[in-house]
PDB file of N, CA and C in Angstrom:
ATOM      1  N   UNK A   1       1.013  -1.050  -0.329  1.00  0.00           N
ATOM      2  CA  UNK A   1       0.070   0.076  -0.032  1.00  0.00           C
ATOM      3  C   UNK A   1       0.960   1.295   0.257  1.00  0.00           C
ATOM      4  N   UNK A   2       0.319   2.267  -0.756  1.00  0.00           N
ATOM      5  CA  UNK A   2       1.264   3.709  -0.800  1.00  0.00           C
ATOM      6  C   UNK A   2       0.764   4.368   0.591  1.00  0.00           C
ATOM      7  N   UNK A   3       1.271   5.751   0.151  1.00  0.00           N
ATOM      8  CA  UNK A   3       0.265   6.561   1.115  1.00  0.00           C
ATOM      9  C   UNK A   3      -0.628   7.215   0.933  1.00  0.00           C
ATOM     10  N   UNK A   4      -1.095   7.030  -0.582  1.00  0.00           N
ATOM     11  CA  UNK A   4      -2.100   7.551  -1.156  1.00  0.00           C
ATOM     12  C   UNK A   4      -3.090   6.511  -0.532  1.00  0.00           C
ATOM     13  N   UNK A   5      -3.476   5.854  -0.323  1.00  0.00           N
ATOM     14  CA  UNK A   5      -4.057   4.787  -0.114  1.00  0.00           C
ATOM     15  C   UNK A   5      -3.893   4.427   1.930  1.00  0.00           C
ATOM     16  N   UNK A   6      -3.063   4.988   2.136  1.00  0.00           N
ATOM     17  CA  UNK A   6      -3.284   4.857   3.643  1.00  0.00           C
ATOM     18  C   UNK A   6      -4.310   6.085   4.182  1.00  0.00           C
ATOM     19  N   UNK A   7      -3.842   7.272   3.497  1.00  0.00           N
ATOM     20  CA  UNK A   7      -4.835   7.762   3.481  1.00  0.00           C
ATOM     21  C   UNK A   7      -6.410   8.251   3.662  1.00  0.00           C
ATOM     22  N   UNK A   8      -6.612   7.270   2.434  1.00  0.00           N
ATOM     23  CA  UNK A   8      -7.724   6.739   2.067  1.00  0.00           C
ATOM     24  C   UNK A   8      -8.523   5.519   3.318  1.00  0.00           C
ATOM     25  N   UNK A   9      -7.796   5.037   3.656  1.00  0.00           N
ATOM     26  CA  UNK A   9      -8.159   4.572   4.683  1.00  0.00           C
ATOM     27  C   UNK A   9      -8.261   4.931   6.178  1.00  0.00           C
ATOM     28  N   UNK A  10      -7.477   5.770   6.592  1.00  0.00           N
ATOM     29  CA  UNK A  10      -7.554   6.584   7.272  1.00  0.00           C
ATOM     30  C   UNK A  10      -8.503   7.648   7.710  1.00  0.00           C
ATOM     31  N   UNK A  11      -8.816   8.452   6.632  1.00  0.00           N
ATOM     32  CA  UNK A  11      -9.786   9.390   6.324  1.00  0.00           C
ATOM     33  C   UNK A  11     -11.220   8.653   6.331  1.00  0.00           C
ATOM     34  N   UNK A  12     -11.046   7.290   5.589  1.00  0.00           N
ATOM     35  CA  UNK A  12     -12.495   6.142   5.857  1.00  0.00           C
ATOM     36  C   UNK A  12     -12.906   5.965   7.321  1.00  0.00           C
ATOM     37  N   UNK A  13     -11.697   5.691   7.793  1.00  0.00           N
ATOM     38  CA  UNK A  13     -11.978   5.748   9.372  1.00  0.00           C
ATOM     39  C   UNK A  13     -12.473   6.434  10.127  1.00  0.00           C
ATOM     40  N   UNK A  14     -11.926   7.922   9.783  1.00  0.00           N
ATOM     41  CA  UNK A  14     -12.158   9.341  10.677  1.00  0.00           C
ATOM     42  C   UNK A  14     -13.629   9.337  10.661  1.00  0.00           C
ATOM     43  N   UNK A  15     -14.072   9.127   9.106  1.00  0.00           N
ATOM     44  CA  UNK A  15     -15.788   9.349   8.622  1.00  0.00           C
ATOM     45  C   UNK A  15     -16.452   8.422   9.335  1.00  0.00           C
ATOM     46  N   UNK A  16     -15.622   7.484   9.376  1.00  0.00           N
ATOM     47  CA  UNK A  16     -16.949   6.154  10.748  1.00  0.00           C
ATOM     48  C   UNK A  16     -17.034   6.290  12.143  1.00  0.00           C
ATOM     49  N   UNK A  17     -15.692   7.346  12.346  1.00  0.00           N
ATOM     50  CA  UNK A  17     -15.925   7.071  13.859  1.00  0.00           C
ATOM     51  C   UNK A  17     -16.896   8.732  14.374  1.00  0.00           C
ATOM     52  N   UNK A  18     -16.694   9.493  13.137  1.00  0.00           N
ATOM     53  CA  UNK A  18     -17.628  10.751  13.447  1.00  0.00           C
ATOM     54  C   UNK A  18     -18.693  10.138  13.167  1.00  0.00           C
ATOM     55  N   UNK A  19     -19.591   9.717  12.271  1.00  0.00           N
ATOM     56  CA  UNK A  19     -21.260   9.162  12.043  1.00  0.00           C
ATOM     57  C   UNK A  19     -20.966   8.284  13.075  1.00  0.00           C
ATOM     58  N   UNK A  20     -20.107   7.426  13.855  1.00  0.00           N
ATOM     59  CA  UNK A  20     -20.963   7.054  15.056  1.00  0.00           C
ATOM     60  C   UNK A  20     -20.916   7.586  16.264  1.00  0.00           C
ATOM     61  N   UNK A  21     -19.755   8.866  16.577  1.00  0.00           N
ATOM     62  CA  UNK A  21     -20.118   9.777  17.455  1.00  0.00           C
ATOM     63  C   UNK A  21     -21.633  10.252  17.408  1.00  0.00           C
ATOM     64  N   UNK A  22     -22.048  10.755  15.998  1.00  0.00           N
ATOM     65  CA  UNK A  22     -22.988  11.761  15.649  1.00  0.00           C
ATOM     66  C   UNK A  22     -24.064  10.644  16.153  1.00  0.00           C
ATOM     67  N   UNK A  23     -24.363   9.630  15.613  1.00  0.00           N
ATOM     68  CA  UNK A  23     -25.498   8.122  15.889  1.00  0.00           C
ATOM     69  C   UNK A  23     -25.490   8.713  17.740  1.00  0.00           C
ATOM     70  N   UNK A  24     -24.285   8.342  18.680  1.00  0.00           N
ATOM     71  CA  UNK A  24     -24.648   8.035  19.562  1.00  0.00           C
ATOM     72  C   UNK A  24     -25.091   9.339  20.330  1.00  0.00           C
ATOM     73  N   UNK A  25     -24.910  10.381  20.174  1.00  0.00           N
ATOM     74  CA  UNK A  25     -24.798  12.065  20.502  1.00  0.00           C
ATOM     75  C   UNK A  25     -26.749  11.817  20.296  1.00  0.00           C
ATOM     76  N   UNK A  26     -27.161  11.461  19.177  1.00  0.00           N
ATOM     77  CA  UNK A  26     -28.539  11.659  18.617  1.00  0.00           C
ATOM     78  C   UNK A  26     -29.468  10.812  19.400  1.00  0.00           C
ATOM     79  N   UNK A  27     -28.706   9.210  19.800  1.00  0.00           N
ATOM     80  CA  UNK A  27     -29.503   8.710  20.807  1.00  0.00           C
ATOM     81  C   UNK A  27     -29.975   9.259  21.995  1.00  0.00           C
ATOM     82  N   UNK A  28     -28.128   9.381  22.643  1.00  0.00           N
ATOM     83  CA  UNK A  28     -27.819   9.659  23.650  1.00  0.00           C
ATOM     84  C   UNK A  28     -29.075  10.906  24.190  1.00  0.00           C
ATOM     85  N   UNK A  29     -29.014  12.156  23.579  1.00  0.00           N
ATOM     86  CA  UNK A  29     -30.340  13.149  23.802  1.00  0.00           C
ATOM     87  C   UNK A  29     -31.589  12.356  23.951  1.00  0.00           C
ATOM     88  N   UNK A  30     -31.669  11.632  22.818  1.00  0.00           N
ATOM     89  CA  UNK A  30     -33.604  11.056  22.634  1.00  0.00           C
ATOM     90  C   UNK A  30     -33.885  10.211  23.977  1.00  0.00           C
ATOM     91  N   UNK A  31     -32.270   9.742  24.273  1.00  0.00           N
ATOM     92  CA  UNK A  31     -32.957   8.749  26.178  1.00  0.00           C
ATOM     93  C   UNK A  31     -33.267   9.941  26.245  1.00  0.00           C
ATOM     94  N   UNK A  32     -32.500  11.129  26.949  1.00  0.00           N
ATOM     95  CA  UNK A  32     -32.538  12.066  27.759  1.00  0.00           C
ATOM     96  C   UNK A  32     -33.637  12.631  27.840  1.00  0.00           C
ATOM     97  N   UNK A  33     -34.199  12.823  26.731  1.00  0.00           N
ATOM     98  CA  UNK A  33     -35.409  13.574  26.517  1.00  0.00           C
ATOM     99  C   UNK A  33     -36.887  12.682  26.928  1.00  0.00           C
ATOM    100  N   UNK A  34     -36.485  10.950  26.911  1.00  0.00           N
ATOM    101  CA  UNK A  34     -37.619  10.347  26.926  1.00  0.00           C
ATOM    102  C   UNK A  34     -37.332  10.064  28.468  1.00  0.00           C
ATOM    103  N   UNK A  35     -36.045  10.205  29.184  1.00  0.00           N
ATOM    104  CA  UNK A  35     -36.102  10.439  30.562  1.00  0.00           C
ATOM    105  C   UNK A  35     -37.098  11.247  31.118  1.00  0.00           C
ATOM    106  N   UNK A  36     -37.162  12.535  30.363  1.00  0.00           N
ATOM    107  CA  UNK A  36     -37.692  14.293  31.075  1.00  0.00           C
ATOM    108  C   UNK A  36     -39.106  14.005  31.010  1.00  0.00           C
ATOM    109  N   UNK A  37     -39.190  13.316  29.901  1.00  0.00           N
ATOM    110  CA  UNK A  37     -40.797  13.572  29.523  1.00  0.00           C
ATOM    111  C   UNK A  37     -41.420  11.839  30.778  1.00  0.00           C
ATOM    112  N   UNK A  38     -40.990  11.441  30.936  1.00  0.00           N
ATOM    113  CA  UNK A  38     -41.601  10.251  31.895  1.00  0.00           C
ATOM    114  C   UNK A  38     -41.643  10.536  33.231  1.00  0.00           C
ATOM    115  N   UNK A  39     -40.401  11.425  33.571  1.00  0.00           N
ATOM    116  CA  UNK A  39     -40.576  12.091  35.044  1.00  0.00           C
ATOM    117  C   UNK A  39     -41.493  12.976  35.495  1.00  0.00           C
ATOM    118  N   UNK A  40     -41.873  14.220  34.025  1.00  0.00           N
ATOM    119  CA  UNK A  40     -42.869  14.891  34.072  1.00  0.00           C
ATOM    120  C   UNK A  40     -44.143  14.184  34.134  1.00  0.00           C
ATOM    121  N   UNK A  41     -44.218  12.820  33.841  1.00  0.00           N
ATOM    122  CA  UNK A  41     -45.780  12.224  33.855  1.00  0.00           C
ATOM    123  C   UNK A  41     -45.642  11.993  35.193  1.00  0.00           C
ATOM    124  N   UNK A  42     -44.154  11.281  35.794  1.00  0.00           N
ATOM    125  CA  UNK A  42     -44.706  11.054  36.911  1.00  0.00           C
ATOM    126  C   UNK A  42     -44.920  12.210  38.556  1.00  0.00           C
ATOM    127  N   UNK A  43     -44.248  13.052  37.994  1.00  0.00           N
ATOM    128  CA  UNK A  43     -44.590  14.060  38.844  1.00  0.00           C
ATOM    129  C   UNK A  43     -46.205  14.696  39.158  1.00  0.00           C
ATOM    130  N   UNK A  44     -46.575  14.137  37.830  1.00  0.00           N
ATOM    131  CA  UNK A  44     -47.915  15.212  37.217  1.00  0.00           C
ATOM    132  C   UNK A  44     -48.645  14.053  38.209  1.00  0.00           C
ATOM    133  N   UNK A  45     -48.279  13.058  37.706  1.00  0.00           N
ATOM    134  CA  UNK A  45     -49.176  11.597  38.705  1.00  0.00           C
ATOM    135  C   UNK A  45     -48.831  11.810  40.311  1.00  0.00           C
ATOM    136  N   UNK A  46     -48.254  12.223  40.921  1.00  0.00           N
ATOM    137  CA  UNK A  46     -48.094  12.253  42.178  1.00  0.00           C
ATOM    138  C   UNK A  46     -48.484  13.873  42.433  1.00  0.00           C
ATOM    139  N   UNK A  47     -48.759  14.331  41.644  1.00  0.00           N
ATOM    140  CA  UNK A  47     -49.535  15.911  42.481  1.00  0.00           C
ATOM    141  C   UNK A  47     -50.912  15.359  42.588  1.00  0.00           C
ATOM    142  N   UNK A  48     -51.326  14.534  41.738  1.00  0.00           N
ATOM    143  CA  UNK A  48     -52.996  14.681  40.992  1.00  0.00           C
ATOM    144  C   UNK A  48     -52.730  13.492  42.794  1.00  0.00           C
ATOM    145  N   UNK A  49     -52.126  12.635  42.993  1.00  0.00           N
ATOM    146  CA  UNK A  49     -52.651  11.727  43.865  1.00  0.00           C
ATOM    147  C   UNK A  49     -52.351  12.851  45.873  1.00  0.00           C
ATOM    148  N   UNK A  50     -51.762  13.718  45.566  1.00  0.00           N
ATOM    149  CA  UNK A  50     -51.066  15.032  46.643  1.00  0.00           C
ATOM    150  C   UNK A  50     -52.419  15.648  46.338  1.00  0.00           C
ATOM    151  N   UNK A  51     -53.185  15.776  45.645  1.00  0.00           N
ATOM    152  CA  UNK A  51     -54.255  16.683  45.932  1.00  0.00           C
ATOM    153  C   UNK A  51     -55.212  15.899  45.919  1.00  0.00           C
ATOM    154  N   UNK A  52     -55.180  14.558  45.844  1.00  0.00           N
ATOM    155  CA  UNK A  52     -56.803  13.811  46.178  1.00  0.00           C
ATOM    156  C   UNK A  52     -56.561  13.338  47.612  1.00  0.00           C
ATOM    157  N   UNK A  53     -55.339  13.258  48.275  1.00  0.00           N
ATOM    158  CA  UNK A  53     -54.985  13.233  49.799  1.00  0.00           C
ATOM    159  C   UNK A  53     -55.639  14.290  50.273  1.00  0.00           C
ATOM    160  N   UNK A  54     -55.019  15.851  50.210  1.00  0.00           N
ATOM    161  CA  UNK A  54     -55.745  16.772  50.634  1.00  0.00           C
ATOM    162  C   UNK A  54     -57.250  16.840  50.572  1.00  0.00           C
ATOM    163  N   UNK A  55     -57.439  16.429  49.598  1.00  0.00           N
ATOM    164  CA  UNK A  55     -59.206  16.574  49.674  1.00  0.00           C
ATOM    165  C   UNK A  55     -59.871  15.269  50.745  1.00  0.00           C
ATOM    166  N   UNK A  56     -59.024  14.622  50.329  1.00  0.00           N
ATOM    167  CA  UNK A  56     -59.592  12.952  51.278  1.00  0.00           C
ATOM    168  C   UNK A  56     -59.643  13.663  52.774  1.00  0.00           C
ATOM    169  N   UNK A  57     -58.499  14.298  53.404  1.00  0.00           N
ATOM    170  CA  UNK A  57     -58.524  14.780  54.444  1.00  0.00           C
ATOM    171  C   UNK A  57     -59.221  16.009  55.042  1.00  0.00           C
ATOM    172  N   UNK A  58     -59.180  16.365  54.302  1.00  0.00           N
ATOM    173  CA  UNK A  58     -60.311  17.863  54.207  1.00  0.00           C
ATOM    174  C   UNK A  58     -61.598  17.195  54.715  1.00  0.00           C
ATOM    175  N   UNK A  59     -62.182  16.493  53.785  1.00  0.00           N
ATOM    176  CA  UNK A  59     -63.459  15.643  54.197  1.00  0.00           C
ATOM    177  C   UNK A  59     -63.213  14.897  55.345  1.00  0.00           C
ATOM    178  N   UNK A  60     -62.191  14.408  55.838  1.00  0.00           N
ATOM    179  CA  UNK A  60     -62.538  13.859  57.194  1.00  0.00           C
ATOM    180  C   UNK A  60     -62.726  14.508  58.094  1.00  0.00           C
ATOM    181  N   UNK A  61     -61.477  16.264  57.946  1.00  0.00           N
ATOM    182  CA  UNK A  61     -61.700  16.790  59.207  1.00  0.00           C
ATOM    183  C   UNK A  61     -62.657  17.284  58.886  1.00  0.00           C
ATOM    184  N   UNK A  62     -63.877  17.782  58.242  1.00  0.00           N
ATOM    185  CA  UNK A  62     -65.124  17.526  58.326  1.00  0.00           C
ATOM    186  C   UNK A  62     -66.114  17.213  59.145  1.00  0.00           C
ATOM    187  N   UNK A  63     -65.684  15.820  58.739  1.00  0.00           N
ATOM    188  CA  UNK A  63     -66.946  14.788  59.285  1.00  0.00           C
ATOM    189  C   UNK A  63     -66.330  14.922  61.188  1.00  0.00           C
ATOM    190  N   UNK A  64     -65.063  14.573  61.387  1.00  0.00           N
ATOM    191  CA  UNK A  64     -64.600  14.814  62.521  1.00  0.00           C
ATOM    192  C   UNK A  64     -65.353  15.883  63.052  1.00  0.00           C
ATOM    193  N   UNK A  65     -65.405  17.165  62.572  1.00  0.00           N
ATOM    194  CA  UNK A  65     -65.781  18.176  63.021  1.00  0.00           C
ATOM    195  C   UNK A  65     -67.394  17.916  63.665  1.00  0.00           C
ATOM    196  N   UNK A  66     -68.040  17.557  62.600  1.00  0.00           N
ATOM    197  CA  UNK A  66     -69.871  16.700  62.700  1.00  0.00           C
ATOM    198  C   UNK A  66     -69.895  16.117  63.784  1.00  0.00           C
ATOM    199  N   UNK A  67     -68.842  15.153  64.310  1.00  0.00           N
ATOM    200  CA  UNK A  67     -69.013  14.271  65.103  1.00  0.00           C
ATOM    201  C   UNK A  67     -68.360  14.550  66.187  1.00  0.00           C
ATOM    202  N   UNK A  68     -67.853  15.415  66.637  1.00  0.00           N
ATOM    203  CA  UNK A  68     -67.746  16.278  67.578  1.00  0.00           C
ATOM    204  C   UNK A  68     -68.444  16.749  67.974  1.00  0.00           C
ATOM    205  N   UNK A  69     -69.629  18.200  67.174  1.00  0.00           N
ATOM    206  CA  UNK A  69     -70.446  18.536  67.441  1.00  0.00           C
ATOM    207  C   UNK A  69     -71.547  18.043  68.104  1.00  0.00           C
ATOM    208  N   UNK A  70     -71.705  15.711  67.468  1.00  0.00           N
ATOM    209  CA  UNK A  70     -72.608  15.218  67.962  1.00  0.00           C
ATOM    210  C   UNK A  70     -72.362  14.653  69.466  1.00  0.00           C
ATOM    211  N   UNK A  71     -71.035  14.454  69.757  1.00  0.00           N
ATOM    212  CA  UNK A  71     -71.022  14.036  70.753  1.00  0.00           C
ATOM    213  C   UNK A  71     -71.198  15.269  72.105  1.00  0.00           C
ATOM    214  N   UNK A  72     -70.847  15.799  71.260  1.00  0.00           N
ATOM    215  CA  UNK A  72     -70.993  17.647  72.692  1.00  0.00           C
ATOM    216  C   UNK A  72     -72.297  17.567  72.705  1.00  0.00           C
ATOM    217  N   UNK A  73     -73.297  17.468  71.917  1.00  0.00           N
ATOM    218  CA  UNK A  73     -74.782  17.685  72.400  1.00  0.00           C
ATOM    219  C   UNK A  73     -75.094  16.189  73.163  1.00  0.00           C
ATOM    220  N   UNK A  74     -74.822  15.037  72.623  1.00  0.00           N
ATOM    221  CA  UNK A  74     -75.069  14.052  73.194  1.00  0.00           C
ATOM    222  C   UNK A  74     -74.842  14.112  75.021  1.00  0.00           C
ATOM    223  N   UNK A  75     -73.393  14.799  75.215  1.00  0.00           N
ATOM    224  CA  UNK A  75     -72.694  15.121  76.668  1.00  0.00           C
ATOM    225  C   UNK A  75     -73.762  15.760  77.751  1.00  0.00           C
ATOM    226  N   UNK A  76     -74.427  16.989  76.560  1.00  0.00           N
ATOM    227  CA  UNK A  76     -75.181  18.072  77.137  1.00  0.00           C
ATOM    228  C   UNK A  76     -76.306  17.425  77.277  1.00  0.00           C
ATOM    229  N   UNK A  77     -76.884  16.613  76.992  1.00  0.00           N
ATOM    230  CA  UNK A  77     -78.347  15.307  77.043  1.00  0.00           C
ATOM    231  C   UNK A  77     -77.830  14.548  78.113  1.00  0.00           C
ATOM    232  N   UNK A  78     -77.026  14.205  78.476  1.00  0.00           N
ATOM    233  CA  UNK A  78     -76.854  13.332  79.042  1.00  0.00           C
ATOM    234  C   UNK A  78     -76.306  13.997  80.274  1.00  0.00           C
ATOM    235  N   UNK A  79     -75.770  14.865  80.542  1.00  0.00           N
ATOM    236  CA  UNK A  79     -75.546  15.788  81.581  1.00  0.00           C
ATOM    237  C   UNK A  79     -77.126  16.412  82.279  1.00  0.00           C
ATOM    238  N   UNK A  80     -77.943  16.804  81.367  1.00  0.00           N
ATOM    239  CA  UNK A  80     -79.240  17.315  81.723  1.00  0.00           C
ATOM    240  C   UNK A  80     -80.603  15.874  82.230  1.00  0.00           C
ATOM    241  N   UNK A  81     -79.885  14.610  81.447  1.00  0.00           N
ATOM    242  CA  UNK A  81     -80.775  13.661  81.881  1.00  0.00           C
ATOM    243  C   UNK A  81     -79.498  13.296  83.313  1.00  0.00           C
ATOM    244  N   UNK A  82     -78.763  13.167  83.662  1.00  0.00           N
ATOM    245  CA  UNK A  82     -78.460  12.814  85.333  1.00  0.00           C
ATOM    246  C   UNK A  82     -78.650  14.228  86.387  1.00  0.00           C
ATOM    247  N   UNK A  83     -78.865  15.170  85.850  1.00  0.00           N
ATOM    248  CA  UNK A  83     -79.536  16.327  86.973  1.00  0.00           C
ATOM    249  C   UNK A  83     -80.893  15.638  87.333  1.00  0.00           C
ATOM    250  N   UNK A  84     -81.937  15.659  85.974  1.00  0.00           N
ATOM    251  CA  UNK A  84     -83.152  15.310  86.259  1.00  0.00           C
ATOM    252  C   UNK A  84     -83.240  14.065  87.372  1.00  0.00           C
ATOM    253  N   UNK A  85     -82.450  12.800  87.211  1.00  0.00           N
ATOM    254  CA  UNK A  85     -82.548  11.786  87.786  1.00  0.00           C
ATOM    255  C   UNK A  85     -81.795  11.656  89.439  1.00  0.00           C
ATOM    256  N   UNK A  86     -81.187  13.301  89.450  1.00  0.00           N
ATOM    257  CA  UNK A  86     -80.491  13.683  91.107  1.00  0.00           C
ATOM    258  C   UNK A  86     -81.765  14.527  91.682  1.00  0.00           C
ATOM    259  N   UNK A  87     -82.030  14.972  90.524  1.00  0.00           N
ATOM    260  CA  UNK A  87     -83.964  15.918  91.523  1.00  0.00           C
ATOM    261  C   UNK A  87     -84.030  14.539  91.996  1.00  0.00           C
ATOM    262  N   UNK A  88     -84.777  14.299  91.336  1.00  0.00           N
ATOM    263  CA  UNK A  88     -85.977  12.915  91.155  1.00  0.00           C
ATOM    264  C   UNK A  88     -85.638  11.460  92.440  1.00  0.00           C
ATOM    265  N   UNK A  89     -84.205  11.733  92.859  1.00  0.00           N
ATOM    266  CA  UNK A  89     -83.659  10.924  93.707  1.00  0.00           C
ATOM    267  C   UNK A  89     -84.285  11.239  95.067  1.00  0.00           C
TER     268      UNK A  89
END
């Protein structure tokens, strides 16, 4: 092989290395983009889950307040019944 043939071989190898580097970079960037989209979707689902949890907690808090009012009412009724029974004795 003469010098000209070696230059062609080295140039061909260089072009293949360049093409491989470009293809790998494109694939790498595509994978990064897909991972970012998946992370955004996951964060959106977590946000929906957190909002549902907050709504559930607010409903439970409201129900507990109602139950607390009912227990207070029962306590006052029980107290009045006890007073009546003490007066009757």
